[in-house]
Each structure stands twice: as C-alpha cells, then as structure tokens.
Amino acid sequence: MSIVNEFIELIKIDVESKNERKLADKVIEKLKIIGCEVIEDDTKDKIGGNTGNIIARLKGNKEYSILLSAHLDRVSKGRNIKPRIVQNKILSDGTTILAADDVAGIVSILDGLRKAKELRDRCNIEVIFSVCEEKGVTGSKYIDYSKLNSKIAYVFDSPGNIGRVINQAPTKCVIDVEFFGKPAHAGNEPEKGINAIKILAKSLSKINEGRINKYTTSNFGIVSGGKATNVVCDYVKLTGEARSRDNEDLDKYLEYIKRVFNETAKENNTKVNININRNYETFHIKEEENISKLLIKAMENLNIKWEFTPGGGGMDANRFNNNGIKAVGIATGYKNNHTFKEEININDLKKAGDLVKEIIIEASKLD
C-alpha cells in the first residue's frame, strides 16, 4: 500500500482524544506485520481514556537505538472525514479537519520502517504512538521512560514543508483565577453586593496579553460564573494560559499577572485565588548537536532544504527532552491544521516516509 493510500485509510477512522482505540488497533496490526514487538501501556487508566500509548520495537543488529514518534489522537471535528485530492494536495470536503495532524506522522513512520526493514546493518528502532497529545500533551506524560533505550528521538508532528525542523518549543502554564465577590439581591439592594465579574473585567483590562514578546504569549480564553440575573455575582473563574521559550521571561510574566490580580482584588475589597500549573517545559536543541547533525545528513541525502525554527505549541518532544531523550519535531507537509482548511502536500508526505528511512540509515552507521 502506498503512503498516500495508507494516509487516506487512516484518516477515515474516527478518532478523538481519549478515544483512539480503533486507530490504535489498526496501527498495532500494521506494526506487527512489519515485524515489531508491540506493547500498550496503562496510560488509559490514568487519563480516563480507552487506549494507552503504543510502544513498538524493531530489533536491529547494532547496539545504537533511536526513537520515532507521532500521536494517534486528533482535535475535534475529526469524524467522518471525506478526503479529496486536488492537484498535488489532499484536503477534506471542508466540513471536517483532515487529520494530517498527526496521521501524516504515523504513516511516515510506518512507510520508513517498511523501507528500512531489510537493511543489512540496522540500528534498533523504538516507536511511540502516543495518545491524548492534543489535550495538553497528556499521554506521553505517563510513559515509563526508564524502559526506553533511545537517547535521541524524532517526532513527526509539525506543520510546514518537509525540511522544517522544530528545535525549540515553549513551556506551557495553565492559569486558573477565582474571583470572590459578595452576593446581594440585584433589585432590592445591589449596592450591598460586589460583582465578581466586574472585578475580573477590571483585572483583564489592565493585563498585557497576546504576544508579549518574541518568546512569550498568553491568552485568557474561558470565563465561568454567575447564577442568575437577579443576584449580584459572587464568584467567577477565569482560565487562561501562558507559554514561553524563555523560562525566566515566563516567570516574570506570571509574577506580573499575579500582582495585577491581587492588587485589583484589594482595591475592590474582595479576594482572589490564583493557581498556576506548569504543564510541560521548554527545550532547545542546537544545530551542532549530534541529533541535529544526523537529521541534516539524512535530509541532505534526499536533497531536502532544511531549516531549524522555533515552534509555538507543545508536543511530545517536550516530554522526551524533559525525560532525558533529546528530541526535535519534524514537519511532514501539512498546513492549516486544526481547521477545516487543513491540507497536505503529497510530495512532502512521500518524502517524509523516505526521510524516516534515511534517518534510520544514518543512525545505523553509528557505533
């Protein structure tokens, strides 16, 4: 089966975060046919899903080991996908996403494994197809990293033309802010109440958000609270996030917003609770590092023009780097992911499969 046909086959399988079962079963079947040993970990029990991370190994005759990775889940509106081919692109019919993010990564790895399987000298290959990546990079959080042998990883999960390498991704923090006002009857004695929604609005009007600088962004996107129009609102919750590729800059921003929230609450004779959870940490892989040199050589073998760039989103590479496995993200030719305009370039998709093979070839030359 060609990589294009396999891509179309897999995007037609209905999938969402925490419900990757059907796609996982099909991928497990394919990995076993290739000759991999396959296990499924117990992550489903920890996240409330129906599927664990799929971990496969294809043994070689060399001691060196590399890790290849993509994720099984997709964002919402990823059911009943009807792909169409227009010129050299694959698109959906415009009513769903395409799910190239990250089926393109899955089929690239499967295609590359098949092509590299018969190499006379080959390194050991570990494969992880993670779950629940689109929900806070959650699935890979629960991998037992002590059981992995690889010290470098290539994560096929990035938008852009083939050759784009994500060598930096940000730390992400989830920010929950609770404002406590004072209830009162809105018709009889509104002056006795303190409207928590109004305090929230005052706070947000003071805060700098969006793109803070070239390293840091923030967004406050969820507001929940209030019970009725005839009661002055005494409680409201604001949820947002902050991301940065510079942890020092991120810490300064977090201290700044905490100060604004606290000062505004004090000015209005009420209180606020602020809870900040660091979801995952930033990483930065330099071009002169061995993981990068190997990848560059593999791309040059295929006449792929390469470029190392920072990314704005988290990915499994964050988890790998934070657990002692150097990792970068690799683009597979798609763009407009997470939207109904998502598309993938067929030539780039084919090259992504070839790139997996070349990475394996170059890794197999190492002692």
Protein backbone atom coordinates (compact mmCIF):
# COMPACT_ATOMS: atom_id res chain seq x y z
CA MET A 1 0.00 0.00 0.00
CA SER A 2 1.34 3.43 -0.92
CA ILE A 3 1.84 6.05 1.76
CA VAL A 4 -0.95 8.14 0.19
CA ASN A 5 -3.43 5.26 0.26
CA GLU A 6 -2.45 4.42 3.83
CA PHE A 7 -2.89 8.05 4.83
CA ILE A 8 -6.41 8.08 3.37
CA GLU A 9 -7.21 4.76 5.03
CA LEU A 10 -6.22 6.01 8.49
CA ILE A 11 -7.81 9.46 8.39
CA LYS A 12 -11.15 7.77 7.66
CA ILE A 13 -11.01 6.01 11.04
CA ASP A 14 -12.99 8.09 13.55
CA VAL A 15 -10.72 9.25 16.38
CA GLU A 16 -10.64 11.80 19.17
CA SER A 17 -8.55 12.35 22.27
CA LYS A 18 -9.16 9.58 24.83
CA ASN A 19 -10.91 7.52 22.14
CA GLU A 20 -8.08 6.32 19.89
CA ARG A 21 -8.98 2.62 20.13
CA LYS A 22 -9.91 1.87 16.51
CA LEU A 23 -6.89 3.64 15.06
CA ALA A 24 -4.58 2.10 17.65
CA ASP A 25 -5.79 -1.41 16.81
CA LYS A 26 -5.14 -0.84 13.11
CA VAL A 27 -1.69 0.62 13.77
CA ILE A 28 -0.77 -2.26 16.10
CA GLU A 29 -1.74 -4.69 13.34
CA LYS A 30 0.47 -2.87 10.85
CA LEU A 31 3.43 -2.70 13.24
CA LYS A 32 3.24 -6.44 13.90
CA ILE A 33 3.15 -7.20 10.16
CA ILE A 34 6.33 -5.13 9.77
CA GLY A 35 7.92 -7.32 12.45
CA CYS A 36 7.80 -5.09 15.52
CA GLU A 37 7.30 -6.19 19.07
CA VAL A 38 4.37 -4.13 20.33
CA ILE A 39 3.02 -3.30 23.78
CA GLU A 40 0.36 -0.90 25.03
CA ASP A 41 0.99 0.85 28.34
CA ASP A 42 -1.56 1.62 31.05
CA THR A 43 -1.95 5.32 30.31
CA LYS A 44 -5.65 4.87 29.52
CA ASP A 45 -6.33 4.17 33.21
CA LYS A 46 -4.54 7.36 34.23
CA ILE A 47 -6.30 9.71 31.81
CA GLY A 48 -9.76 8.16 31.62
CA GLY A 49 -9.39 7.04 28.02
CA ASN A 50 -9.78 3.74 26.18
CA THR A 51 -6.26 3.46 24.76
CA GLY A 52 -2.72 3.54 26.10
CA ASN A 53 0.44 4.70 24.38
CA ILE A 54 1.58 2.22 21.74
CA ILE A 55 5.26 1.32 22.12
CA ALA A 56 6.93 -0.80 19.45
CA ARG A 57 10.45 -2.10 18.87
CA LEU A 58 12.11 -3.28 15.69
CA LYS A 59 15.35 -5.00 16.62
CA GLY A 60 18.48 -4.47 14.59
CA ASN A 61 21.99 -5.90 14.67
CA LYS A 62 23.61 -2.72 16.02
CA GLU A 63 23.64 -1.52 19.62
CA TYR A 64 22.53 2.02 18.82
CA SER A 65 18.84 2.87 19.23
CA ILE A 66 16.64 5.73 18.01
CA LEU A 67 13.07 6.68 18.82
CA LEU A 68 10.47 7.67 16.23
CA SER A 69 7.19 9.17 17.38
CA ALA A 70 3.80 10.53 16.32
CA HIS A 71 0.44 10.82 18.06
CA LEU A 72 -2.79 8.91 17.49
CA ASP A 73 -5.40 11.45 18.54
CA ARG A 74 -6.73 14.48 16.72
CA VAL A 75 -8.68 17.62 17.56
CA SER A 76 -12.47 17.72 17.38
CA LYS A 77 -14.37 17.61 14.09
CA GLY A 78 -12.20 14.67 13.05
CA ARG A 79 -15.01 12.19 12.36
CA ASN A 80 -16.46 11.17 9.01
CA ILE A 81 -13.59 12.73 7.10
CA LYS A 82 -14.11 12.74 3.33
CA PRO A 83 -10.72 13.31 1.69
CA ARG A 84 -10.30 14.66 -1.80
CA ILE A 85 -7.23 15.08 -3.96
CA VAL A 86 -6.84 18.41 -5.75
CA GLN A 87 -3.74 18.69 -7.92
CA ASN A 88 -0.91 17.67 -5.58
CA LYS A 89 -2.77 18.12 -2.30
CA ILE A 90 -5.09 16.12 -0.08
CA LEU A 91 -7.90 18.07 1.57
CA SER A 92 -11.12 17.32 3.42
CA ASP A 93 -14.50 18.27 1.96
CA GLY A 94 -14.46 21.40 4.13
CA THR A 95 -16.81 20.13 6.86
CA THR A 96 -14.10 18.48 8.99
CA ILE A 97 -10.40 18.69 9.67
CA LEU A 98 -8.17 16.46 7.54
CA ALA A 99 -6.29 14.89 10.49
CA ALA A 100 -2.94 15.15 8.75
CA ASP A 101 -2.00 16.25 12.26
CA ASP A 102 -0.91 13.64 13.03
CA VAL A 103 -1.84 10.78 10.69
CA ALA A 104 0.89 12.10 8.39
CA GLY A 105 3.41 11.35 11.14
CA ILE A 106 2.02 7.86 11.69
CA VAL A 107 2.17 6.83 8.03
CA SER A 108 5.60 8.41 7.56
CA ILE A 109 6.99 6.21 10.31
CA LEU A 110 5.21 3.08 9.05
CA ASP A 111 6.44 3.73 5.50
CA GLY A 112 10.01 4.36 6.64
CA LEU A 113 10.05 1.22 8.79
CA ARG A 114 8.99 -0.92 5.85
CA LYS A 115 11.65 0.60 3.62
CA ALA A 116 14.40 0.23 6.22
CA LYS A 117 13.42 -3.21 7.49
CA GLU A 118 15.63 -5.13 5.08
CA LEU A 119 18.78 -3.09 5.61
CA ARG A 120 21.71 -5.43 6.20
CA ASP A 121 23.05 -3.35 9.09
CA ARG A 122 20.41 -1.56 11.10
CA CYS A 123 20.16 0.10 14.46
CA ASN A 124 17.42 -0.73 16.93
CA ILE A 125 14.26 1.31 16.43
CA GLU A 126 11.76 2.26 19.09
CA VAL A 127 8.41 3.71 18.08
CA ILE A 128 5.89 5.55 20.24
CA PHE A 129 2.42 6.40 19.00
CA SER A 130 1.08 8.48 21.88
CA VAL A 131 -2.48 9.20 22.97
CA CYS A 132 -4.16 12.41 24.09
CA GLU A 133 -1.42 14.65 22.70
CA GLU A 134 -3.93 17.27 21.63
CA LYS A 135 -5.12 17.64 25.23
CA GLY A 136 -2.11 19.18 26.90
CA VAL A 137 0.41 16.61 25.58
CA THR A 138 -1.05 14.32 28.23
CA GLY A 139 -0.45 10.78 27.00
CA SER A 140 3.34 10.96 26.82
CA LYS A 141 3.43 12.31 30.37
CA TYR A 142 2.77 8.77 31.63
CA ILE A 143 5.30 6.82 29.56
CA ASP A 144 7.75 4.78 31.63
CA TYR A 145 10.89 6.38 30.24
CA SER A 146 13.13 4.03 32.22
CA LYS A 147 12.14 1.26 29.82
CA LEU A 148 13.32 3.11 26.70
CA ASN A 149 16.83 2.64 25.32
CA SER A 150 16.98 5.53 22.86
CA LYS A 151 18.72 8.80 23.71
CA ILE A 152 17.53 10.70 20.64
CA ALA A 153 14.04 10.98 19.17
CA TYR A 154 12.45 12.34 16.02
CA VAL A 155 8.85 13.45 16.45
CA PHE A 156 6.93 13.61 13.17
CA ASP A 157 4.33 16.13 14.30
CA SER A 158 4.75 19.63 12.90
CA PRO A 159 3.13 21.78 10.22
CA GLY A 160 5.19 23.11 7.36
CA ASN A 161 7.08 21.92 4.33
CA ILE A 162 9.36 18.92 4.58
CA GLY A 163 12.69 20.18 5.88
CA ARG A 164 11.24 22.30 8.65
CA VAL A 165 12.64 21.19 12.00
CA ILE A 166 11.23 22.38 15.32
CA ASN A 167 14.21 22.65 17.64
CA GLN A 168 12.51 24.81 20.26
CA ALA A 169 9.07 24.64 21.86
CA PRO A 170 7.70 26.55 24.83
CA THR A 171 6.92 25.84 28.43
CA LYS A 172 3.17 25.97 28.94
CA CYS A 173 1.35 27.03 32.11
CA VAL A 174 -2.38 26.76 32.74
CA ILE A 175 -3.68 29.66 34.83
CA ASP A 176 -6.85 29.44 36.93
CA VAL A 177 -8.04 32.61 38.65
CA GLU A 178 -11.02 32.63 41.02
CA PHE A 179 -12.64 35.95 41.95
CA PHE A 180 -14.85 36.12 45.03
CA GLY A 181 -17.41 38.89 45.24
CA LYS A 182 -20.39 39.37 47.54
CA PRO A 183 -23.94 38.27 46.73
CA ALA A 184 -26.94 40.57 47.06
CA HIS A 185 -30.41 40.89 45.55
CA ALA A 186 -29.93 42.77 42.30
CA GLY A 187 -33.27 44.55 42.58
CA ASN A 188 -33.64 45.30 46.28
CA GLU A 189 -30.11 46.05 47.45
CA PRO A 190 -27.49 45.81 44.67
CA GLU A 191 -25.28 48.33 46.48
CA LYS A 192 -24.57 45.69 49.15
CA GLY A 193 -23.08 43.30 46.60
CA ILE A 194 -19.66 43.06 44.96
CA ASN A 195 -19.81 41.80 41.39
CA ALA A 196 -17.01 39.29 40.80
CA ILE A 197 -17.46 39.56 37.04
CA LYS A 198 -16.75 43.28 37.24
CA ILE A 199 -13.56 42.63 39.22
CA LEU A 200 -12.47 40.12 36.60
CA ALA A 201 -13.14 42.62 33.82
CA LYS A 202 -11.16 45.32 35.61
CA SER A 203 -8.23 42.92 36.01
CA LEU A 204 -8.21 41.87 32.38
CA SER A 205 -8.40 45.48 31.22
CA LYS A 206 -5.07 46.11 32.98
CA ILE A 207 -3.22 42.99 31.85
CA ASN A 208 -1.00 42.76 28.83
CA GLU A 209 -1.87 39.54 26.96
CA GLY A 210 -1.50 38.05 23.49
CA ARG A 211 2.05 38.23 22.13
CA ILE A 212 4.10 39.61 24.98
CA ASN A 213 7.44 39.40 23.15
CA LYS A 214 9.26 37.05 20.76
CA TYR A 215 9.46 34.36 23.45
CA THR A 216 6.21 34.63 25.39
CA THR A 217 2.47 34.57 24.67
CA SER A 218 -0.62 34.45 26.84
CA ASN A 219 -4.35 34.06 26.41
CA PHE A 220 -7.29 34.11 28.79
CA GLY A 221 -9.99 32.19 26.99
CA ILE A 222 -12.54 30.74 29.44
CA VAL A 223 -14.85 32.56 31.85
CA SER A 224 -17.40 30.75 34.00
CA GLY A 225 -19.58 32.00 36.84
CA GLY A 226 -22.80 33.66 37.87
CA LYS A 227 -26.11 32.02 38.82
CA ALA A 228 -28.90 34.41 37.90
CA THR A 229 -29.52 37.94 36.71
CA ASN A 230 -31.27 38.88 39.95
CA VAL A 231 -28.23 38.04 42.11
CA VAL A 232 -25.05 40.08 42.18
CA CYS A 233 -22.40 37.58 41.05
CA ASP A 234 -20.23 36.48 43.95
CA TYR A 235 -17.98 34.03 42.11
CA VAL A 236 -16.36 33.79 38.69
CA LYS A 237 -13.48 31.73 37.35
CA LEU A 238 -11.08 32.75 34.63
CA THR A 239 -8.89 30.19 32.86
CA GLY A 240 -6.01 31.03 30.60
CA GLU A 241 -2.51 30.04 29.63
CA ALA A 242 0.96 31.43 29.21
CA ARG A 243 3.71 29.96 27.04
CA SER A 244 7.35 30.87 26.64
CA ARG A 245 10.61 29.55 25.25
CA ASP A 246 12.37 31.56 27.98
CA ASN A 247 11.53 30.37 31.49
CA GLU A 248 12.97 33.48 33.13
CA ASP A 249 10.77 35.68 30.98
CA LEU A 250 7.78 33.43 31.71
CA ASP A 251 8.35 33.67 35.46
CA LYS A 252 8.45 37.46 35.24
CA TYR A 253 5.17 37.47 33.32
CA LEU A 254 3.49 35.17 35.83
CA GLU A 255 4.59 37.36 38.73
CA TYR A 256 3.24 40.38 36.86
CA ILE A 257 -0.23 38.94 36.34
CA LYS A 258 -0.42 37.71 39.93
CA ARG A 259 0.40 41.21 41.12
CA VAL A 260 -2.30 42.77 38.92
CA PHE A 261 -4.96 40.26 40.00
CA ASN A 262 -4.14 40.68 43.69
CA GLU A 263 -3.98 44.48 43.54
CA THR A 264 -7.30 44.69 41.72
CA ALA A 265 -8.98 42.41 44.24
CA LYS A 266 -7.61 44.50 47.11
CA GLU A 267 -8.77 47.74 45.50
CA ASN A 268 -12.30 46.32 45.34
CA ASN A 269 -12.43 44.87 48.86
CA THR A 270 -12.56 41.25 47.79
CA LYS A 271 -10.21 38.31 47.36
CA VAL A 272 -8.78 36.23 44.56
CA ASN A 273 -7.21 32.77 44.32
CA ILE A 274 -4.57 32.16 41.65
CA ASN A 275 -3.42 28.67 40.70
CA ILE A 276 -0.71 28.16 38.08
CA ASN A 277 0.12 24.67 36.80
CA ARG A 278 3.19 24.09 34.64
CA ASN A 279 2.05 21.57 32.06
CA TYR A 280 5.33 20.91 30.26
CA GLU A 281 8.76 22.50 29.96
CA THR A 282 10.59 24.16 27.09
CA PHE A 283 13.51 22.66 25.17
CA HIS A 284 16.16 23.90 22.76
CA ILE A 285 18.21 21.61 20.51
CA LYS A 286 21.12 23.27 18.71
CA GLU A 287 22.15 22.58 15.13
CA GLU A 288 25.63 21.45 16.16
CA GLU A 289 24.31 18.65 18.39
CA ASN A 290 24.57 15.06 17.18
CA ILE A 291 20.80 14.60 16.90
CA SER A 292 20.70 17.56 14.52
CA LYS A 293 23.75 16.54 12.50
CA LEU A 294 22.25 13.10 11.88
CA LEU A 295 18.98 14.63 10.73
CA ILE A 296 20.71 17.18 8.50
CA LYS A 297 22.72 14.43 6.80
CA ALA A 298 19.54 12.41 6.23
CA MET A 299 17.80 15.42 4.65
CA GLU A 300 20.81 16.28 2.51
CA ASN A 301 20.80 12.69 1.21
CA LEU A 302 17.32 13.43 -0.16
CA ASN A 303 18.15 16.97 -1.39
CA ILE A 304 15.73 18.39 1.17
CA LYS A 305 16.32 22.04 2.03
CA TRP A 306 16.33 22.15 5.81
CA GLU A 307 15.57 24.90 8.31
CA PHE A 308 15.63 24.82 12.12
CA THR A 309 12.90 27.02 13.62
CA PRO A 310 11.16 27.52 16.99
CA GLY A 311 7.55 26.44 17.42
CA GLY A 312 4.74 27.99 19.41
CA GLY A 313 2.98 24.80 20.50
CA GLY A 314 3.88 21.98 22.83
CA MET A 315 4.48 18.46 21.56
CA ASP A 316 5.68 15.06 22.71
CA ALA A 317 9.22 16.30 22.07
CA ASN A 318 8.80 18.49 25.17
CA ARG A 319 8.15 15.40 27.29
CA PHE A 320 11.01 13.45 25.71
CA ASN A 321 13.53 16.23 26.28
CA ASN A 322 12.34 16.68 29.85
CA ASN A 323 12.92 12.95 30.43
CA GLY A 324 16.47 12.74 29.11
CA ILE A 325 15.79 11.94 25.45
CA LYS A 326 16.92 14.68 23.07
CA ALA A 327 14.12 15.25 20.56
CA VAL A 328 13.12 17.54 17.71
CA GLY A 329 9.90 17.95 15.76
CA ILE A 330 9.78 17.28 12.01
CA ALA A 331 7.26 18.76 9.56
CA THR A 332 5.52 16.39 7.17
CA GLY A 333 3.99 18.81 4.66
CA TYR A 334 0.66 19.79 6.15
CA LYS A 335 -0.65 23.24 6.98
CA ASN A 336 -3.75 24.88 8.48
CA ASN A 337 -4.00 22.03 10.98
CA HIS A 338 -6.87 22.17 13.49
CA THR A 339 -9.04 23.88 10.84
CA PHE A 340 -11.38 22.81 8.04
CA LYS A 341 -8.82 24.21 5.58
CA GLU A 342 -6.17 21.68 6.63
CA GLU A 343 -4.26 20.18 3.71
CA ILE A 344 -1.14 18.19 2.98
CA ASN A 345 1.28 18.25 0.09
CA ILE A 346 1.54 14.75 -1.41
CA ASN A 347 5.17 15.11 -2.47
CA ASP A 348 6.15 16.20 1.04
CA LEU A 349 4.24 13.28 2.56
CA LYS A 350 6.13 10.84 0.34
CA LYS A 351 9.45 12.47 1.23
CA ALA A 352 8.60 12.21 4.92
CA GLY A 353 8.48 8.43 4.58
CA ASP A 354 11.79 8.48 2.74
CA LEU A 355 13.24 10.71 5.45
CA VAL A 356 12.38 8.16 8.13
CA LYS A 357 14.36 5.58 6.17
CA GLU A 358 17.33 7.93 5.75
CA ILE A 359 17.34 8.74 9.46
CA ILE A 360 17.49 5.00 10.20
CA ILE A 361 20.30 4.54 7.66
CA GLU A 362 22.36 7.35 9.18
CA ALA A 363 21.71 6.15 12.74
CA SER A 364 22.78 2.66 11.72
CA LYS A 365 26.24 3.99 10.84
CA LEU A 366 26.82 4.98 14.46
CA ASP A 367 28.53 2.72 16.97
